[in-house]
Amino acid sequence: MAQKQQGIYVTLSDMDGTLLDSEPLYEAVHKDLATQYNITLSAHELAAQRGSGAGFYSLFSSKSVQFTKDYPCEIAFAKSRLASYYNIMAAKPDLIEEIPHVMNKFEALVDNGEAALIVTNSSFKTVEKSMAAVNRHDVYWKHAVTADQVIKQGGLVKPSGDPYDHGLERINTLHNAQYAPESCVVLEDSKVGVRSGLDFGGHIIHVITDAMQLLSEDDVRQMRKASSYCQQHFNGAAEPKNVMCYVACKPEDFDAVYDNFVQDSRSGIAMPHYQNLA
């Protein structure tokens, strides 16, 4: 589909770790499981799987025979993991907080009627419960694209670009538009999420809420080169300017970084394929 105007006009945002600081809840779940099965997890192993429920299943399975017996398939693990997440959320609701600079910008975009929605590896029920924990009205999440929806439609979850493909399709339906991936900025906090956004073909603002999620220029270059979008549209050739651009920033700098990123895209100014402001 061809975009009507040059530049970024669509914002697709991850939820956990990007809009909401919900990672402490997941960390509590994973630590409880590790203790139960006498598994030792390094900080690097935990960081590598951030944003990927399937990755945690593979990680635990590789370290415990008993875990594999108790959870013979990923679905069984996912159900148990969610139940534990909800229990901890109910017992310790203060563990989940907004990431204010990112959430406030997302709120303003939605309130202004701009094309913005959540795309997450969480289930819709988790989105509902997590947003309720920070008193967010459903106007901000009712159109969210969630993992259960993507799987039901035959797609793959992140790090595949499928969730963002579904997000763009929903945006175009809601706004009666014909935006393309190059019209989109993806907001992510994890390496898994960045890979998904690049696989989709969007621009990336990488919100660094965990220093272990930082990516080097070569990391981003390799993700871009391996992406489905790049292989389909460029066939290994160098990408043209202002396509699949990447900037990393701290949450407190997000508002200015977002505004400059979008303004530059609409002005036709050459945007960086890699810029680390974090």
Protein backbone atom coordinates (compact mmCIF):
# COMPACT_ATOMS: atom_id res chain seq x y z
CA MET A 1 0.00 0.00 0.00
CA ALA A 2 1.28 3.46 -0.82
CA GLN A 3 1.46 6.11 1.84
CA LYS A 4 -0.32 9.39 1.18
CA GLN A 5 2.31 11.65 2.72
CA GLN A 6 6.04 11.51 3.29
CA GLY A 7 7.13 10.73 6.82
CA ILE A 8 5.93 9.05 10.00
CA TYR A 9 2.22 9.22 10.76
CA VAL A 10 1.66 5.95 12.65
CA THR A 11 2.91 5.01 16.14
CA LEU A 12 2.91 1.34 17.12
CA SER A 13 3.99 0.81 20.72
CA ASP A 14 4.98 -2.21 22.74
CA MET A 15 3.46 -2.31 26.24
CA ASP A 16 5.60 -4.20 28.79
CA GLY A 17 8.81 -2.29 29.45
CA THR A 18 7.85 0.50 27.05
CA LEU A 19 4.58 2.01 28.27
CA LEU A 20 4.46 0.10 31.53
CA ASP A 21 7.24 -0.92 33.88
CA SER A 22 5.75 -4.39 34.30
CA GLU A 23 9.01 -6.30 33.94
CA PRO A 24 9.43 -6.61 37.76
CA LEU A 25 6.31 -8.80 37.79
CA TYR A 26 7.68 -11.10 35.09
CA GLU A 27 11.03 -11.19 36.88
CA ALA A 28 9.25 -12.31 40.05
CA VAL A 29 7.47 -15.09 38.12
CA HIS A 30 10.70 -16.31 36.52
CA LYS A 31 12.64 -16.20 39.78
CA ASP A 32 9.92 -18.22 41.55
CA LEU A 33 10.07 -20.82 38.78
CA ALA A 34 13.85 -20.92 38.87
CA THR A 35 13.78 -21.51 42.62
CA GLN A 36 11.11 -24.21 42.29
CA TYR A 37 13.20 -26.15 39.75
CA ASN A 38 16.60 -25.34 41.24
CA ILE A 39 17.61 -23.47 38.08
CA THR A 40 20.35 -20.84 37.99
CA LEU A 41 19.72 -17.99 35.56
CA SER A 42 22.34 -15.40 34.70
CA ALA A 43 21.45 -11.76 34.11
CA HIS A 44 22.54 -12.21 30.48
CA GLU A 45 20.17 -15.16 29.98
CA LEU A 46 17.25 -13.22 31.44
CA ALA A 47 18.03 -10.14 29.35
CA ALA A 48 18.28 -12.18 26.13
CA GLN A 49 14.71 -13.45 26.56
CA ARG A 50 13.10 -10.17 27.61
CA GLY A 51 9.93 -9.65 25.59
CA SER A 52 9.65 -13.30 24.57
CA GLY A 53 7.54 -15.80 26.50
CA ALA A 54 8.51 -18.59 24.10
CA GLY A 55 12.17 -17.87 24.77
CA PHE A 56 11.71 -18.40 28.50
CA TYR A 57 10.05 -21.75 27.88
CA SER A 58 13.02 -22.91 25.82
CA LEU A 59 15.45 -21.57 28.42
CA PHE A 60 13.82 -23.38 31.35
CA SER A 61 13.40 -26.56 29.30
CA SER A 62 17.11 -26.62 28.54
CA LYS A 63 17.98 -26.47 32.24
CA SER A 64 15.52 -28.84 33.92
CA VAL A 65 14.21 -32.27 32.93
CA GLN A 66 11.53 -32.01 35.60
CA PHE A 67 10.33 -28.68 34.19
CA THR A 68 9.89 -30.31 30.78
CA LYS A 69 7.90 -33.14 32.36
CA ASP A 70 5.66 -30.69 34.20
CA TYR A 71 5.26 -28.45 31.14
CA PRO A 72 5.45 -30.71 28.07
CA CYS A 73 4.40 -27.90 25.75
CA GLU A 74 4.71 -24.14 25.55
CA ILE A 75 0.95 -23.62 25.94
CA ALA A 76 0.94 -25.30 29.36
CA PHE A 77 3.82 -23.09 30.47
CA ALA A 78 2.17 -19.94 29.11
CA LYS A 79 -1.04 -20.61 31.05
CA SER A 80 0.85 -21.24 34.30
CA ARG A 81 3.08 -18.20 33.74
CA LEU A 82 0.06 -15.94 33.23
CA ALA A 83 -1.71 -17.32 36.31
CA SER A 84 1.38 -16.57 38.40
CA TYR A 85 1.64 -13.10 36.86
CA TYR A 86 -1.98 -12.30 37.76
CA ASN A 87 -1.53 -13.62 41.30
CA ILE A 88 1.54 -11.47 41.90
CA MET A 89 -0.20 -8.45 40.36
CA ALA A 90 -3.15 -8.92 42.70
CA ALA A 91 -0.89 -9.30 45.73
CA LYS A 92 1.56 -6.53 44.83
CA PRO A 93 -0.20 -4.03 42.51
CA ASP A 94 2.49 -1.43 43.21
CA LEU A 95 4.99 -3.54 41.24
CA ILE A 96 3.52 -2.21 37.99
CA GLU A 97 3.92 1.45 37.08
CA GLU A 98 3.72 3.66 34.02
CA ILE A 99 6.84 4.79 32.23
CA PRO A 100 5.60 8.38 32.31
CA HIS A 101 7.38 10.10 29.42
CA VAL A 102 6.44 7.37 26.95
CA MET A 103 2.93 6.80 28.28
CA ASN A 104 2.14 10.51 28.31
CA LYS A 105 3.16 10.86 24.66
CA PHE A 106 1.12 7.81 23.69
CA GLU A 107 -1.85 9.22 25.61
CA ALA A 108 -1.55 12.55 23.79
CA LEU A 109 -1.44 10.83 20.39
CA VAL A 110 -4.60 8.83 21.12
CA ASP A 111 -6.39 11.86 22.59
CA ASN A 112 -5.56 13.85 19.44
CA GLY A 113 -7.04 11.15 17.22
CA GLU A 114 -3.70 10.22 15.67
CA ALA A 115 -2.89 6.73 14.42
CA ALA A 116 -1.48 5.02 17.50
CA LEU A 117 -2.05 1.63 19.10
CA ILE A 118 -0.40 -1.01 21.27
CA VAL A 119 1.25 -4.10 19.74
CA THR A 120 2.31 -6.59 22.40
CA ASN A 121 3.43 -10.16 23.02
CA SER A 122 1.04 -10.20 25.98
CA SER A 123 -2.52 -11.55 25.80
CA PHE A 124 -5.50 -9.23 25.61
CA LYS A 125 -6.51 -10.21 29.15
CA THR A 126 -3.04 -9.22 30.36
CA VAL A 127 -3.30 -5.85 28.61
CA GLU A 128 -6.69 -5.28 30.25
CA LYS A 129 -5.43 -6.20 33.72
CA SER A 130 -2.13 -4.32 33.40
CA MET A 131 -3.77 -1.13 32.18
CA ALA A 132 -6.41 -1.38 34.90
CA ALA A 133 -3.59 -1.57 37.46
CA VAL A 134 -2.46 1.93 36.41
CA ASN A 135 -6.04 3.23 36.00
CA ARG A 136 -5.92 3.61 32.22
CA HIS A 137 -9.28 3.86 30.44
CA ASP A 138 -9.88 1.38 27.61
CA VAL A 139 -9.65 4.10 24.95
CA TYR A 140 -5.88 3.61 25.16
CA TRP A 141 -5.83 -0.16 24.78
CA LYS A 142 -9.13 -1.49 23.38
CA HIS A 143 -7.68 -1.76 19.84
CA ALA A 144 -4.42 -3.38 21.00
CA VAL A 145 -2.93 -6.14 18.87
CA THR A 146 -2.07 -8.98 21.23
CA ALA A 147 -0.25 -12.30 21.00
CA ASP A 148 -3.40 -14.42 21.29
CA GLN A 149 -5.03 -12.49 18.43
CA VAL A 150 -1.98 -12.86 16.17
CA ILE A 151 -1.68 -16.60 16.84
CA LYS A 152 -5.42 -17.09 16.25
CA GLN A 153 -4.99 -15.51 12.80
CA GLY A 154 -2.12 -17.84 11.95
CA GLY A 155 0.72 -15.40 12.64
CA LEU A 156 3.87 -15.60 14.73
CA VAL A 157 4.62 -13.48 17.80
CA LYS A 158 7.65 -11.24 18.23
CA PRO A 159 10.49 -11.39 17.12
CA SER A 160 8.52 -11.97 13.93
CA GLY A 161 7.19 -8.83 12.29
CA ASP A 162 3.70 -10.37 12.10
CA PRO A 163 2.30 -8.52 15.15
CA TYR A 164 3.25 -5.16 13.64
CA ASP A 165 1.82 -6.20 10.27
CA HIS A 166 -1.46 -6.84 12.09
CA GLY A 167 -1.09 -3.52 13.90
CA LEU A 168 -0.71 -1.58 10.67
CA GLU A 169 -3.65 -3.41 9.12
CA ARG A 170 -5.80 -2.44 12.11
CA ILE A 171 -4.63 1.19 11.94
CA ASN A 172 -5.51 1.39 8.25
CA THR A 173 -8.97 -0.02 8.96
CA LEU A 174 -9.62 2.29 11.93
CA HIS A 175 -8.41 5.41 10.10
CA ASN A 176 -9.57 4.47 6.59
CA ALA A 177 -5.96 4.94 5.46
CA GLN A 178 -3.30 3.27 3.33
CA TYR A 179 -0.19 3.68 5.43
CA ALA A 180 2.87 1.53 4.69
CA PRO A 181 5.55 0.30 7.13
CA GLU A 182 7.82 3.24 6.26
CA SER A 183 5.06 5.51 7.64
CA CYS A 184 5.37 3.82 11.05
CA VAL A 185 7.52 4.30 14.12
CA VAL A 186 7.77 1.33 16.46
CA LEU A 187 8.39 1.98 20.16
CA GLU A 188 10.21 -0.89 21.86
CA ASP A 189 12.33 -1.60 24.93
CA SER A 190 13.80 -5.04 24.14
CA LYS A 191 16.09 -6.60 21.56
CA VAL A 192 13.31 -9.05 20.70
CA GLY A 193 10.94 -6.15 20.09
CA VAL A 194 13.42 -4.19 17.97
CA ARG A 195 13.98 -7.27 15.80
CA SER A 196 10.21 -7.54 15.36
CA GLY A 197 9.86 -3.87 14.39
CA LEU A 198 12.67 -4.12 11.84
CA ASP A 199 11.29 -7.38 10.45
CA PHE A 200 8.06 -5.46 9.84
CA GLY A 201 9.94 -2.62 8.14
CA GLY A 202 9.22 0.23 10.54
CA HIS A 203 11.41 2.92 12.03
CA ILE A 204 12.50 2.25 15.61
CA ILE A 205 12.70 4.31 18.78
CA HIS A 206 14.38 2.01 21.28
CA VAL A 207 13.50 3.10 24.82
CA ILE A 208 16.33 1.90 27.05
CA THR A 209 14.85 0.94 30.41
CA ASP A 210 17.45 -1.82 30.85
CA ALA A 211 21.07 -1.20 29.83
CA MET A 212 21.45 -4.87 28.85
CA GLN A 213 19.01 -4.25 25.98
CA LEU A 214 21.35 -1.80 24.25
CA LEU A 215 22.21 -2.65 20.65
CA SER A 216 25.36 -1.78 18.75
CA GLU A 217 25.30 -0.33 15.26
CA ASP A 218 26.38 -3.72 13.90
CA ASP A 219 23.57 -5.45 15.84
CA VAL A 220 20.99 -3.19 14.23
CA ARG A 221 22.58 -3.53 10.82
CA GLN A 222 22.42 -7.32 11.02
CA MET A 223 18.80 -7.25 12.22
CA ARG A 224 17.88 -4.93 9.38
CA LYS A 225 19.68 -7.08 6.80
CA ALA A 226 17.99 -10.26 8.06
CA SER A 227 14.52 -8.72 8.20
CA SER A 228 11.70 -10.01 6.02
CA TYR A 229 11.03 -6.44 4.86
CA CYS A 230 14.61 -5.85 3.72
CA GLN A 231 14.84 -9.19 1.95
CA GLN A 232 11.54 -8.62 0.20
CA HIS A 233 12.09 -5.01 -0.88
CA PHE A 234 15.86 -4.65 -1.27
CA ASN A 235 17.10 -8.20 -1.88
CA GLY A 236 20.37 -7.60 -0.05
CA ALA A 237 21.03 -4.20 -1.62
CA ALA A 238 21.72 -1.11 0.47
CA GLU A 239 18.54 0.42 1.88
CA PRO A 240 17.57 3.91 0.68
CA LYS A 241 17.65 6.79 3.14
CA ASN A 242 14.88 7.29 5.67
CA VAL A 243 13.89 3.60 5.75
CA MET A 244 14.07 1.41 8.88
CA CYS A 245 15.90 4.10 10.84
CA TYR A 246 16.87 3.52 14.47
CA VAL A 247 17.42 5.72 17.49
CA ALA A 248 17.93 4.66 21.12
CA CYS A 249 17.15 6.97 24.02
CA LYS A 250 16.51 7.12 27.75
CA PRO A 251 12.85 7.32 28.85
CA GLU A 252 13.30 10.84 30.21
CA ASP A 253 14.46 12.05 26.78
CA PHE A 254 11.73 10.26 24.86
CA ASP A 255 9.39 13.19 24.25
CA ALA A 256 11.99 15.36 22.48
CA VAL A 257 13.50 12.40 20.62
CA TYR A 258 10.08 11.33 19.35
CA ASP A 259 9.11 14.83 18.20
CA ASN A 260 12.43 15.38 16.38
CA PHE A 261 12.32 11.92 14.79
CA VAL A 262 8.82 12.43 13.41
CA GLN A 263 9.47 16.03 12.31
CA ASP A 264 12.64 15.06 10.46
CA SER A 265 10.84 12.23 8.68
CA ARG A 266 8.12 14.59 7.44
CA SER A 267 10.63 17.26 6.40
CA GLY A 268 12.62 14.89 4.25
CA ILE A 269 15.75 15.39 6.35
CA ALA A 270 18.18 12.46 6.16
CA MET A 271 17.53 10.31 9.22
CA PRO A 272 20.15 8.13 10.92
CA HIS A 273 20.16 4.40 10.27
CA TYR A 274 21.66 4.21 13.76
CA GLN A 275 21.83 6.75 16.56
CA ASN A 276 22.45 5.95 20.22
CA LEU A 277 21.32 8.79 22.49
CA ALA A 278 21.03 6.56 25.55
